Amino acid sequence: METVTRSLAFVRSLAFVSIALLAIALCAGPALSDTKPAANAKAPASVPSTAAAQPSATAPSTVKLIKKKIKEKAKAVKAALQKVNPLRLLRDKEFKTAAAEFPSFCKDWERKLHDREVNNLGHVAWTQKDGWQTATYTGYGPVQKCECHQSTDGYSIGKVTYEEFQYYLVGKTPDEAKTAKPKVTDTTATTELFRWDKSKWFY
């Protein structure tokens, strides 16, 4: 709560600075535009006519610079307001924890994929074809990408990418087919998304 209070005070300060700069721009604009010499005024004989035109030439660039600074301050205020949103602060804090734990989650997910492949191989449906025992099952490659990021609303999202293989087994007997090198008949690039909720990653 103290962090939120300090952040709000910081935002109020930025807002005050922005309002002050805006007031300066509004006051400086007309004043600077009025610095052109009067039509009937004569330039001193010792000063070239180009020197008298310098104030009016520099005025537009000065106003432009002030307006640019005001826009930058307004942008900074908007960003600061988003950061001090209590709910967003909570999600940012959750993301730090979620991101730190996601690599271990990916390793565990890779282990689960391997266990699933072993289970698939142990429960294949054998089919006799021309005197040969054949079967197919699904296998999985290692995790290729393990990424964690925040959604636009601040939610923690995890992404795991790996390859999924369709294997074909063939042999005179099921045991012979299992010991033979399986043939890959299809490969699928798979990406799974996970969400962080209640202090843990959900499958």
N, C-alpha and C. Protein backbone atom coordinates (compact mmCIF):
# COMPACT_ATOMS: atom_id res chain seq x y z
N MET A 1 0.85 -1.20 0.00
CA MET A 1 0.00 0.00 0.00
C MET A 1 0.88 1.24 0.00
N GLU A 2 2.01 1.20 0.75
CA GLU A 2 2.92 2.34 0.79
C GLU A 2 3.52 2.60 -0.58
N THR A 3 3.82 1.48 -1.33
CA THR A 3 4.38 1.63 -2.68
C THR A 3 3.39 2.32 -3.61
N VAL A 4 2.12 1.94 -3.50
CA VAL A 4 1.08 2.55 -4.34
C VAL A 4 0.93 4.02 -4.03
N THR A 5 1.00 4.37 -2.69
CA THR A 5 0.86 5.78 -2.28
C THR A 5 1.99 6.62 -2.84
N ARG A 6 3.22 6.08 -2.76
CA ARG A 6 4.36 6.82 -3.31
C ARG A 6 4.24 6.98 -4.81
N SER A 7 3.78 5.94 -5.48
CA SER A 7 3.63 6.00 -6.94
C SER A 7 2.60 7.04 -7.34
N LEU A 8 1.50 7.12 -6.56
CA LEU A 8 0.46 8.11 -6.86
C LEU A 8 1.00 9.52 -6.66
N ALA A 9 1.84 9.70 -5.63
CA ALA A 9 2.44 11.02 -5.40
C ALA A 9 3.34 11.40 -6.56
N PHE A 10 4.07 10.39 -7.08
CA PHE A 10 4.95 10.63 -8.23
C PHE A 10 4.15 11.04 -9.45
N VAL A 11 3.01 10.36 -9.65
CA VAL A 11 2.15 10.67 -10.80
C VAL A 11 1.58 12.07 -10.68
N ARG A 12 1.18 12.48 -9.45
CA ARG A 12 0.64 13.83 -9.27
C ARG A 12 1.70 14.87 -9.60
N SER A 13 2.96 14.58 -9.22
CA SER A 13 4.05 15.52 -9.52
C SER A 13 4.24 15.66 -11.02
N LEU A 14 4.21 14.51 -11.73
CA LEU A 14 4.35 14.55 -13.18
C LEU A 14 3.20 15.31 -13.83
N ALA A 15 1.99 15.12 -13.30
CA ALA A 15 0.83 15.81 -13.84
C ALA A 15 0.95 17.31 -13.63
N PHE A 16 1.47 17.71 -12.45
CA PHE A 16 1.65 19.13 -12.17
C PHE A 16 2.66 19.75 -13.13
N VAL A 17 3.75 19.00 -13.35
CA VAL A 17 4.78 19.51 -14.27
C VAL A 17 4.20 19.67 -15.66
N SER A 18 3.40 18.69 -16.10
CA SER A 18 2.79 18.75 -17.43
C SER A 18 1.88 19.94 -17.58
N ILE A 19 1.07 20.19 -16.54
CA ILE A 19 0.14 21.34 -16.58
C ILE A 19 0.92 22.64 -16.63
N ALA A 20 2.02 22.70 -15.86
CA ALA A 20 2.83 23.92 -15.83
C ALA A 20 3.45 24.19 -17.20
N LEU A 21 3.97 23.10 -17.82
CA LEU A 21 4.57 23.25 -19.15
C LEU A 21 3.54 23.68 -20.18
N LEU A 22 2.33 23.13 -20.05
CA LEU A 22 1.26 23.50 -20.97
C LEU A 22 0.92 24.98 -20.83
N ALA A 23 0.89 25.45 -19.59
CA ALA A 23 0.59 26.88 -19.35
C ALA A 23 1.68 27.76 -19.94
N ILE A 24 2.93 27.31 -19.80
CA ILE A 24 4.05 28.08 -20.37
C ILE A 24 3.92 28.16 -21.88
N ALA A 25 3.56 27.00 -22.49
CA ALA A 25 3.43 26.96 -23.95
C ALA A 25 2.33 27.90 -24.43
N LEU A 26 1.21 27.90 -23.70
CA LEU A 26 0.09 28.74 -24.10
C LEU A 26 0.43 30.23 -23.97
N CYS A 27 1.20 30.54 -22.93
CA CYS A 27 1.57 31.94 -22.73
C CYS A 27 2.70 32.37 -23.65
N ALA A 28 3.64 31.42 -23.88
CA ALA A 28 4.82 31.77 -24.68
C ALA A 28 4.48 31.87 -26.15
N GLY A 29 3.49 31.08 -26.61
CA GLY A 29 3.14 31.07 -28.03
C GLY A 29 2.78 32.45 -28.55
N PRO A 30 1.78 33.11 -27.98
CA PRO A 30 1.40 34.45 -28.45
C PRO A 30 2.52 35.47 -28.26
N ALA A 31 3.22 35.35 -27.12
CA ALA A 31 4.27 36.33 -26.84
C ALA A 31 5.37 36.26 -27.87
N LEU A 32 5.74 35.00 -28.21
CA LEU A 32 6.81 34.82 -29.17
C LEU A 32 6.38 35.25 -30.57
N SER A 33 5.10 35.04 -30.87
CA SER A 33 4.62 35.42 -32.20
C SER A 33 4.52 36.93 -32.35
N ASP A 34 4.48 37.65 -31.21
CA ASP A 34 4.37 39.11 -31.26
C ASP A 34 5.72 39.81 -31.30
N THR A 35 6.78 39.03 -31.39
CA THR A 35 8.11 39.64 -31.35
C THR A 35 8.55 40.19 -32.70
N LYS A 36 7.69 40.08 -33.73
CA LYS A 36 8.05 40.63 -35.04
C LYS A 36 8.10 42.16 -34.95
N PRO A 37 9.05 42.78 -35.61
CA PRO A 37 9.16 44.25 -35.56
C PRO A 37 7.98 44.92 -36.23
N ALA A 38 7.62 46.07 -35.75
CA ALA A 38 6.50 46.82 -36.32
C ALA A 38 6.80 47.19 -37.76
N ALA A 39 5.70 47.36 -38.53
CA ALA A 39 5.86 47.61 -39.97
C ALA A 39 6.55 48.95 -40.23
N ASN A 40 6.26 49.96 -39.37
CA ASN A 40 6.82 51.29 -39.60
C ASN A 40 8.18 51.50 -38.93
N ALA A 41 8.60 50.49 -38.12
CA ALA A 41 9.87 50.65 -37.40
C ALA A 41 11.02 50.53 -38.37
N LYS A 42 12.05 51.31 -38.11
CA LYS A 42 13.24 51.27 -38.95
C LYS A 42 14.38 50.65 -38.18
N ALA A 43 15.13 49.80 -38.89
CA ALA A 43 16.29 49.17 -38.26
C ALA A 43 17.40 50.17 -38.16
N PRO A 44 18.20 50.11 -37.11
CA PRO A 44 19.34 51.03 -36.98
C PRO A 44 20.25 50.91 -38.18
N ALA A 45 20.87 52.03 -38.51
CA ALA A 45 21.71 52.05 -39.72
C ALA A 45 22.88 51.12 -39.60
N SER A 46 23.36 50.88 -38.35
CA SER A 46 24.55 50.05 -38.18
C SER A 46 24.23 48.57 -38.13
N VAL A 47 22.93 48.21 -38.06
CA VAL A 47 22.55 46.79 -37.94
C VAL A 47 21.90 46.33 -39.23
N PRO A 48 22.35 45.24 -39.85
CA PRO A 48 21.76 44.75 -41.09
C PRO A 48 20.31 44.36 -40.87
N SER A 49 19.52 44.44 -41.92
CA SER A 49 18.09 44.12 -41.83
C SER A 49 17.85 42.68 -41.47
N THR A 50 18.76 41.76 -41.81
CA THR A 50 18.58 40.33 -41.50
C THR A 50 18.65 40.08 -40.01
N ALA A 51 19.40 40.92 -39.28
CA ALA A 51 19.53 40.73 -37.83
C ALA A 51 18.21 41.02 -37.15
N ALA A 52 17.43 41.98 -37.66
CA ALA A 52 16.16 42.33 -37.04
C ALA A 52 15.15 41.23 -37.21
N ALA A 53 15.30 40.39 -38.21
CA ALA A 53 14.33 39.32 -38.46
C ALA A 53 14.61 38.08 -37.65
N GLN A 54 15.76 38.01 -36.92
CA GLN A 54 16.12 36.81 -36.19
C GLN A 54 15.13 36.41 -35.11
N PRO A 55 14.61 37.35 -34.28
CA PRO A 55 13.65 36.93 -33.23
C PRO A 55 12.44 36.22 -33.80
N SER A 56 11.85 36.72 -34.88
CA SER A 56 10.67 36.08 -35.44
C SER A 56 11.01 34.74 -36.06
N ALA A 57 12.26 34.54 -36.50
CA ALA A 57 12.65 33.27 -37.11
C ALA A 57 12.83 32.20 -36.07
N THR A 58 13.29 32.55 -34.88
CA THR A 58 13.54 31.56 -33.83
C THR A 58 12.30 31.25 -33.00
N ALA A 59 11.30 32.10 -33.02
CA ALA A 59 10.11 31.89 -32.20
C ALA A 59 9.38 30.59 -32.52
N PRO A 60 9.07 30.26 -33.76
CA PRO A 60 8.35 29.01 -34.05
C PRO A 60 9.09 27.77 -33.56
N SER A 61 10.41 27.74 -33.70
CA SER A 61 11.16 26.57 -33.25
C SER A 61 11.11 26.42 -31.74
N THR A 62 11.08 27.52 -31.02
CA THR A 62 10.99 27.48 -29.55
C THR A 62 9.65 26.91 -29.11
N VAL A 63 8.58 27.38 -29.73
CA VAL A 63 7.24 26.88 -29.40
C VAL A 63 7.14 25.40 -29.74
N LYS A 64 7.72 25.01 -30.85
CA LYS A 64 7.68 23.60 -31.27
C LYS A 64 8.39 22.72 -30.25
N LEU A 65 9.52 23.20 -29.72
CA LEU A 65 10.28 22.45 -28.72
C LEU A 65 9.48 22.29 -27.44
N ILE A 66 8.80 23.36 -27.03
CA ILE A 66 7.99 23.29 -25.81
C ILE A 66 6.84 22.29 -25.97
N LYS A 67 6.19 22.32 -27.13
CA LYS A 67 5.08 21.39 -27.37
C LYS A 67 5.57 19.94 -27.37
N LYS A 68 6.76 19.73 -27.89
CA LYS A 68 7.34 18.38 -27.92
C LYS A 68 7.58 17.87 -26.51
N LYS A 69 8.09 18.77 -25.64
CA LYS A 69 8.34 18.39 -24.26
C LYS A 69 7.04 18.07 -23.53
N ILE A 70 5.99 18.83 -23.84
CA ILE A 70 4.69 18.58 -23.20
C ILE A 70 4.16 17.21 -23.60
N LYS A 71 4.31 16.85 -24.87
CA LYS A 71 3.85 15.54 -25.33
C LYS A 71 4.62 14.42 -24.65
N GLU A 72 5.92 14.62 -24.48
CA GLU A 72 6.74 13.61 -23.82
C GLU A 72 6.33 13.43 -22.37
N LYS A 73 6.04 14.55 -21.69
CA LYS A 73 5.60 14.48 -20.31
C LYS A 73 4.25 13.79 -20.19
N ALA A 74 3.35 14.09 -21.12
CA ALA A 74 2.02 13.47 -21.09
C ALA A 74 2.13 11.97 -21.28
N LYS A 75 3.04 11.56 -22.16
CA LYS A 75 3.25 10.13 -22.40
C LYS A 75 3.80 9.47 -21.14
N ALA A 76 4.72 10.16 -20.47
CA ALA A 76 5.30 9.61 -19.24
C ALA A 76 4.26 9.48 -18.15
N VAL A 77 3.37 10.47 -18.06
CA VAL A 77 2.29 10.43 -17.06
C VAL A 77 1.36 9.25 -17.32
N LYS A 78 1.03 9.03 -18.59
CA LYS A 78 0.14 7.92 -18.95
C LYS A 78 0.77 6.59 -18.57
N ALA A 79 2.06 6.43 -18.85
CA ALA A 79 2.76 5.19 -18.52
C ALA A 79 2.82 4.99 -17.00
N ALA A 80 3.03 6.09 -16.28
CA ALA A 80 3.11 6.00 -14.82
C ALA A 80 1.76 5.62 -14.22
N LEU A 81 0.67 6.14 -14.79
CA LEU A 81 -0.67 5.81 -14.29
C LEU A 81 -0.97 4.33 -14.47
N GLN A 82 -0.49 3.75 -15.57
CA GLN A 82 -0.70 2.32 -15.79
C GLN A 82 0.07 1.49 -14.77
N LYS A 83 1.26 1.98 -14.40
CA LYS A 83 2.09 1.23 -13.47
C LYS A 83 1.57 1.26 -12.04
N VAL A 84 0.87 2.33 -11.67
CA VAL A 84 0.40 2.44 -10.29
C VAL A 84 -1.00 1.84 -10.11
N ASN A 85 -1.57 1.28 -11.18
CA ASN A 85 -2.84 0.59 -11.04
C ASN A 85 -2.64 -0.58 -10.07
N PRO A 86 -3.36 -0.63 -8.94
CA PRO A 86 -3.14 -1.68 -7.94
C PRO A 86 -3.20 -3.09 -8.51
N LEU A 87 -4.16 -3.34 -9.40
CA LEU A 87 -4.30 -4.67 -9.98
C LEU A 87 -3.12 -5.00 -10.88
N ARG A 88 -2.65 -3.99 -11.65
CA ARG A 88 -1.51 -4.21 -12.53
C ARG A 88 -0.23 -4.45 -11.71
N LEU A 89 -0.10 -3.72 -10.60
CA LEU A 89 1.05 -3.93 -9.73
C LEU A 89 1.08 -5.36 -9.19
N LEU A 90 -0.09 -5.88 -8.86
CA LEU A 90 -0.19 -7.26 -8.37
C LEU A 90 0.21 -8.25 -9.45
N ARG A 91 -0.25 -8.01 -10.70
CA ARG A 91 0.07 -8.92 -11.80
C ARG A 91 1.55 -8.85 -12.18
N ASP A 92 2.14 -7.66 -12.07
CA ASP A 92 3.58 -7.52 -12.33
C ASP A 92 4.39 -8.31 -11.31
N LYS A 93 3.94 -8.27 -10.08
CA LYS A 93 4.62 -9.02 -9.02
C LYS A 93 4.47 -10.52 -9.27
N GLU A 94 3.28 -10.94 -9.66
CA GLU A 94 3.04 -12.36 -9.96
C GLU A 94 3.91 -12.82 -11.13
N PHE A 95 4.09 -11.93 -12.12
CA PHE A 95 4.88 -12.31 -13.30
C PHE A 95 6.33 -12.60 -12.94
N LYS A 96 6.89 -11.83 -12.02
CA LYS A 96 8.27 -12.07 -11.60
C LYS A 96 8.42 -13.48 -11.02
N THR A 97 7.46 -13.88 -10.22
CA THR A 97 7.50 -15.23 -9.63
C THR A 97 7.26 -16.28 -10.70
N ALA A 98 6.27 -16.04 -11.56
CA ALA A 98 5.92 -17.01 -12.61
C ALA A 98 7.08 -17.22 -13.58
N ALA A 99 7.74 -16.13 -13.98
CA ALA A 99 8.86 -16.22 -14.92
C ALA A 99 10.03 -16.98 -14.32
N ALA A 100 10.25 -16.81 -13.01
CA ALA A 100 11.35 -17.50 -12.34
C ALA A 100 11.10 -19.00 -12.25
N GLU A 101 9.84 -19.40 -12.15
CA GLU A 101 9.50 -20.81 -11.99
C GLU A 101 9.23 -21.53 -13.32
N PHE A 102 9.07 -20.77 -14.40
CA PHE A 102 8.69 -21.41 -15.66
C PHE A 102 9.76 -22.36 -16.23
N PRO A 103 11.06 -22.06 -16.16
CA PRO A 103 12.06 -23.02 -16.68
C PRO A 103 11.95 -24.40 -16.04
N SER A 104 11.75 -24.46 -14.72
CA SER A 104 11.60 -25.76 -14.06
C SER A 104 10.29 -26.43 -14.49
N PHE A 105 9.27 -25.61 -14.75
CA PHE A 105 8.00 -26.16 -15.25
C PHE A 105 8.22 -26.81 -16.61
N CYS A 106 9.02 -26.17 -17.47
CA CYS A 106 9.29 -26.71 -18.81
C CYS A 106 10.02 -28.06 -18.72
N LYS A 107 10.97 -28.15 -17.80
CA LYS A 107 11.70 -29.42 -17.63
C LYS A 107 10.74 -30.51 -17.17
N ASP A 108 9.86 -30.15 -16.26
CA ASP A 108 8.89 -31.13 -15.77
C ASP A 108 7.92 -31.54 -16.88
N TRP A 109 7.55 -30.56 -17.72
CA TRP A 109 6.65 -30.87 -18.83
C TRP A 109 7.33 -31.80 -19.85
N GLU A 110 8.61 -31.61 -20.08
CA GLU A 110 9.37 -32.48 -20.97
C GLU A 110 9.41 -33.91 -20.41
N ARG A 111 9.57 -34.04 -19.11
CA ARG A 111 9.55 -35.36 -18.47
C ARG A 111 8.18 -36.02 -18.64
N LYS A 112 7.13 -35.21 -18.49
CA LYS A 112 5.79 -35.77 -18.65
C LYS A 112 5.55 -36.24 -20.09
N LEU A 113 6.09 -35.51 -21.06
CA LEU A 113 5.95 -35.92 -22.46
C LEU A 113 6.66 -37.25 -22.70
N HIS A 114 7.83 -37.41 -22.10
CA HIS A 114 8.55 -38.67 -22.25
C HIS A 114 7.77 -39.82 -21.63
N ASP A 115 7.22 -39.59 -20.43
CA ASP A 115 6.42 -40.63 -19.78
C ASP A 115 5.19 -40.97 -20.62
N ARG A 116 4.61 -39.97 -21.26
CA ARG A 116 3.45 -40.20 -22.12
C ARG A 116 3.84 -41.05 -23.33
N GLU A 117 5.02 -40.80 -23.87
CA GLU A 117 5.48 -41.57 -25.03
C GLU A 117 5.70 -43.04 -24.64
N VAL A 118 6.33 -43.25 -23.49
CA VAL A 118 6.56 -44.62 -23.01
C VAL A 118 5.23 -45.34 -22.81
N ASN A 119 4.26 -44.62 -22.26
CA ASN A 119 2.93 -45.21 -22.05
C ASN A 119 2.25 -45.53 -23.39
N ASN A 120 2.42 -44.64 -24.36
CA ASN A 120 1.84 -44.89 -25.69
C ASN A 120 2.43 -46.15 -26.32
N LEU A 121 3.75 -46.30 -26.19
CA LEU A 121 4.41 -47.47 -26.76
C LEU A 121 3.96 -48.76 -26.08
N GLY A 122 3.68 -48.64 -24.80
CA GLY A 122 3.26 -49.84 -24.06
C GLY A 122 1.81 -50.22 -24.29
N HIS A 123 1.05 -49.39 -24.96
CA HIS A 123 -0.37 -49.67 -25.18
C HIS A 123 -0.76 -49.54 -26.66
N VAL A 124 0.15 -49.95 -27.54
CA VAL A 124 -0.16 -49.88 -28.97
C VAL A 124 -1.13 -50.99 -29.35
N ALA A 125 -1.88 -50.76 -30.41
CA ALA A 125 -2.80 -51.77 -30.94
C ALA A 125 -2.13 -52.42 -32.15
N TRP A 126 -1.81 -53.72 -32.01
CA TRP A 126 -1.09 -54.41 -33.08
C TRP A 126 -2.05 -54.89 -34.16
N THR A 127 -1.58 -54.80 -35.41
CA THR A 127 -2.36 -55.24 -36.56
C THR A 127 -1.48 -56.12 -37.43
N GLN A 128 -2.04 -57.28 -37.82
CA GLN A 128 -1.28 -58.19 -38.68
C GLN A 128 -1.49 -57.80 -40.14
N LYS A 129 -0.38 -57.61 -40.84
CA LYS A 129 -0.45 -57.19 -42.23
C LYS A 129 0.59 -57.96 -43.05
N ASP A 130 0.10 -58.83 -43.92
CA ASP A 130 0.98 -59.63 -44.79
C ASP A 130 2.00 -60.40 -43.97
N GLY A 131 1.57 -60.94 -42.86
CA GLY A 131 2.47 -61.74 -42.03
C GLY A 131 3.34 -60.93 -41.08
N TRP A 132 3.16 -59.65 -41.03
CA TRP A 132 3.94 -58.78 -40.15
C TRP A 132 3.04 -58.12 -39.10
N GLN A 133 3.63 -57.90 -37.94
CA GLN A 133 2.91 -57.20 -36.88
C GLN A 133 3.24 -55.69 -37.00
N THR A 134 2.21 -54.90 -37.14
CA THR A 134 2.42 -53.45 -37.31
C THR A 134 1.62 -52.67 -36.27
N ALA A 135 2.11 -51.49 -35.98
CA ALA A 135 1.42 -50.61 -35.03
C ALA A 135 1.96 -49.19 -35.18
N THR A 136 1.20 -48.25 -34.68
CA THR A 136 1.63 -46.84 -34.67
C THR A 136 1.47 -46.28 -33.26
N TYR A 137 2.27 -45.29 -32.95
CA TYR A 137 2.12 -44.61 -31.66
C TYR A 137 2.72 -43.21 -31.78
N THR A 138 2.39 -42.37 -30.80
CA THR A 138 2.84 -40.98 -30.82
C THR A 138 4.00 -40.78 -29.85
N GLY A 139 5.05 -40.10 -30.35
CA GLY A 139 6.21 -39.79 -29.51
C GLY A 139 6.45 -38.28 -29.50
N TYR A 140 7.38 -37.84 -28.66
CA TYR A 140 7.60 -36.41 -28.48
C TYR A 140 9.10 -36.09 -28.42
N GLY A 141 9.47 -34.98 -29.05
CA GLY A 141 10.85 -34.52 -29.00
C GLY A 141 11.08 -33.66 -27.77
N PRO A 142 12.33 -33.25 -27.54
CA PRO A 142 12.62 -32.38 -26.38
C PRO A 142 12.01 -30.99 -26.56
N VAL A 143 11.85 -30.29 -25.47
CA VAL A 143 11.31 -28.93 -25.52
C VAL A 143 12.30 -28.03 -26.26
N GLN A 144 11.83 -27.35 -27.29
CA GLN A 144 12.68 -26.47 -28.09
C GLN A 144 12.65 -25.03 -27.61
N LYS A 145 11.47 -24.58 -27.16
CA LYS A 145 11.32 -23.21 -26.66
C LYS A 145 10.53 -23.22 -25.37
N CYS A 146 11.01 -22.43 -24.42
CA CYS A 146 10.35 -22.30 -23.13
C CYS A 146 10.28 -20.80 -22.84
N GLU A 147 9.14 -20.18 -23.14
CA GLU A 147 9.02 -18.72 -23.07
C GLU A 147 7.89 -18.30 -22.13
N CYS A 148 8.13 -17.20 -21.45
CA CYS A 148 7.12 -16.66 -20.53
C CYS A 148 6.99 -15.16 -20.78
N HIS A 149 5.76 -14.67 -20.90
CA HIS A 149 5.54 -13.24 -21.12
C HIS A 149 4.22 -12.82 -20.49
N GLN A 150 3.98 -11.50 -20.50
CA GLN A 150 2.74 -10.95 -19.96
C GLN A 150 1.81 -10.55 -21.09
N SER A 151 0.52 -10.76 -20.87
CA SER A 151 -0.47 -10.29 -21.82
C SER A 151 -0.61 -8.78 -21.65
N THR A 152 -1.40 -8.13 -22.53
CA THR A 152 -1.59 -6.68 -22.43
C THR A 152 -2.24 -6.29 -21.10
N ASP A 153 -2.98 -7.21 -20.50
CA ASP A 153 -3.62 -6.94 -19.21
C ASP A 153 -2.73 -7.32 -18.04
N GLY A 154 -1.54 -7.86 -18.33
CA GLY A 154 -0.61 -8.19 -17.26
C GLY A 154 -0.61 -9.63 -16.82
N TYR A 155 -1.46 -10.47 -17.41
CA TYR A 155 -1.50 -11.88 -17.01
C TYR A 155 -0.25 -12.62 -17.48
N SER A 156 0.21 -13.58 -16.67
CA SER A 156 1.40 -14.36 -17.00
C SER A 156 1.01 -15.53 -17.90
N ILE A 157 1.70 -15.64 -19.03
CA ILE A 157 1.42 -16.69 -20.00
C ILE A 157 2.71 -17.42 -20.34
N GLY A 158 2.67 -18.74 -20.30
CA GLY A 158 3.83 -19.56 -20.65
C GLY A 158 3.61 -20.28 -21.96
N LYS A 159 4.68 -20.40 -22.75
CA LYS A 159 4.58 -21.07 -24.05
C LYS A 159 5.69 -22.11 -24.19
N VAL A 160 5.29 -23.34 -24.49
CA VAL A 160 6.25 -24.44 -24.65
C VAL A 160 6.11 -24.99 -26.07
N THR A 161 7.24 -25.11 -26.76
CA THR A 161 7.24 -25.59 -28.15
C THR A 161 8.09 -26.85 -28.26
N TYR A 162 7.56 -27.86 -28.95
CA TYR A 162 8.28 -29.12 -29.16
C TYR A 162 7.71 -29.80 -30.40
N GLU A 163 8.34 -30.88 -30.82
CA GLU A 163 7.86 -31.63 -31.98
C GLU A 163 7.17 -32.91 -31.55
N GLU A 164 6.12 -33.24 -32.27
CA GLU A 164 5.35 -34.45 -32.01
C GLU A 164 5.52 -35.38 -33.21
N PHE A 165 5.86 -36.65 -32.94
CA PHE A 165 6.14 -37.60 -34.01
C PHE A 165 5.12 -38.74 -34.03
N GLN A 166 4.79 -39.16 -35.24
CA GLN A 166 3.95 -40.35 -35.42
C GLN A 166 4.88 -41.47 -35.86
N TYR A 167 4.99 -42.52 -35.03
CA TYR A 167 5.91 -43.62 -35.30
C TYR A 167 5.17 -44.85 -35.85
N TYR A 168 5.87 -45.57 -36.72
CA TYR A 168 5.33 -46.80 -37.30
C TYR A 168 6.26 -47.95 -36.93
N LEU A 169 5.68 -49.03 -36.35
CA LEU A 169 6.44 -50.21 -35.95
C LEU A 169 6.07 -51.39 -36.83
N VAL A 170 7.06 -52.21 -37.12
CA VAL A 170 6.79 -53.41 -37.92
C VAL A 170 7.81 -54.49 -37.56
N GLY A 171 7.33 -55.74 -37.48
CA GLY A 171 8.19 -56.88 -37.16
C GLY A 171 7.42 -58.17 -37.24
N LYS A 172 8.15 -59.28 -37.18
CA LYS A 172 7.47 -60.58 -37.23
C LYS A 172 6.64 -60.81 -35.98
N THR A 173 7.10 -60.27 -34.88
CA THR A 173 6.37 -60.35 -33.61
C THR A 173 6.33 -58.96 -32.99
N PRO A 174 5.42 -58.74 -32.04
CA PRO A 174 5.39 -57.44 -31.37
C PRO A 174 6.71 -57.09 -30.68
N ASP A 175 7.34 -58.10 -30.04
CA ASP A 175 8.61 -57.83 -29.36
C ASP A 175 9.70 -57.43 -30.35
N GLU A 176 9.70 -58.10 -31.50
CA GLU A 176 10.70 -57.76 -32.52
C GLU A 176 10.45 -56.36 -33.05
N ALA A 177 9.19 -56.00 -33.24
CA ALA A 177 8.85 -54.68 -33.75
C ALA A 177 9.23 -53.58 -32.76
N LYS A 178 9.07 -53.87 -31.47
CA LYS A 178 9.39 -52.87 -30.46
C LYS A 178 10.90 -52.60 -30.37
N THR A 179 11.70 -53.64 -30.62
CA THR A 179 13.15 -53.47 -30.54
C THR A 179 13.73 -52.85 -31.81
N ALA A 180 12.97 -52.92 -32.91
CA ALA A 180 13.43 -52.32 -34.17
C ALA A 180 13.29 -50.81 -34.09
N LYS A 181 14.07 -50.11 -34.92
CA LYS A 181 14.01 -48.65 -34.94
C LYS A 181 12.68 -48.21 -35.56
N PRO A 182 11.90 -47.43 -34.84
CA PRO A 182 10.61 -46.98 -35.39
C PRO A 182 10.80 -46.02 -36.56
N LYS A 183 9.85 -46.05 -37.48
CA LYS A 183 9.91 -45.16 -38.64
C LYS A 183 8.98 -43.96 -38.40
N VAL A 184 9.51 -42.78 -38.63
CA VAL A 184 8.70 -41.57 -38.46
C VAL A 184 7.87 -41.34 -39.72
N THR A 185 6.57 -41.34 -39.55
CA THR A 185 5.68 -41.14 -40.70
C THR A 185 5.09 -39.73 -40.76
N ASP A 186 5.17 -39.01 -39.64
CA ASP A 186 4.62 -37.65 -39.63
C ASP A 186 5.25 -36.86 -38.48
N THR A 187 5.48 -35.56 -38.70
CA THR A 187 6.05 -34.67 -37.68
C THR A 187 5.19 -33.42 -37.58
N THR A 188 4.87 -33.05 -36.36
CA THR A 188 4.03 -31.87 -36.12
C THR A 188 4.71 -30.95 -35.12
N ALA A 189 4.88 -29.69 -35.50
CA ALA A 189 5.41 -28.68 -34.57
C ALA A 189 4.28 -28.26 -33.64
N THR A 190 4.47 -28.48 -32.36
CA THR A 190 3.41 -28.24 -31.39
C THR A 190 3.79 -27.13 -30.41
N THR A 191 2.85 -26.24 -30.16
CA THR A 191 3.04 -25.17 -29.17
C THR A 191 1.88 -25.20 -28.20
N GLU A 192 2.20 -25.27 -26.93
CA GLU A 192 1.17 -25.28 -25.89
C GLU A 192 1.28 -24.03 -25.03
N LEU A 193 0.13 -23.50 -24.65
CA LEU A 193 0.07 -22.31 -23.80
C LEU A 193 -0.41 -22.70 -22.41
N PHE A 194 0.20 -22.08 -21.40
CA PHE A 194 -0.15 -22.36 -20.01
C PHE A 194 -0.39 -21.04 -19.29
N ARG A 195 -1.19 -21.10 -18.25
CA ARG A 195 -1.50 -19.88 -17.50
C ARG A 195 -1.08 -20.03 -16.05
N TRP A 196 -0.71 -18.91 -15.50
CA TRP A 196 -0.31 -18.85 -14.08
C TRP A 196 -1.52 -18.39 -13.27
N ASP A 197 -1.90 -19.21 -12.29
CA ASP A 197 -3.06 -18.87 -11.47
C ASP A 197 -2.91 -19.52 -10.11
N LYS A 198 -3.28 -18.78 -9.07
CA LYS A 198 -3.21 -19.29 -7.70
C LYS A 198 -1.81 -19.77 -7.36
N SER A 199 -0.81 -18.97 -7.76
CA SER A 199 0.59 -19.18 -7.41
C SER A 199 1.21 -20.44 -8.03
N LYS A 200 0.69 -20.88 -9.19
CA LYS A 200 1.31 -22.02 -9.87
C LYS A 200 0.88 -22.06 -11.33
N TRP A 201 1.67 -22.79 -12.12
CA TRP A 201 1.35 -22.98 -13.53
C TRP A 201 0.35 -24.11 -13.70
N PHE A 202 -0.65 -23.88 -14.53
CA PHE A 202 -1.68 -24.88 -14.76
C PHE A 202 -1.45 -25.58 -16.09
N TYR A 203 -1.64 -26.90 -16.09
CA TYR A 203 -1.50 -27.70 -17.31
C TYR A 203 -2.69 -27.46 -18.21
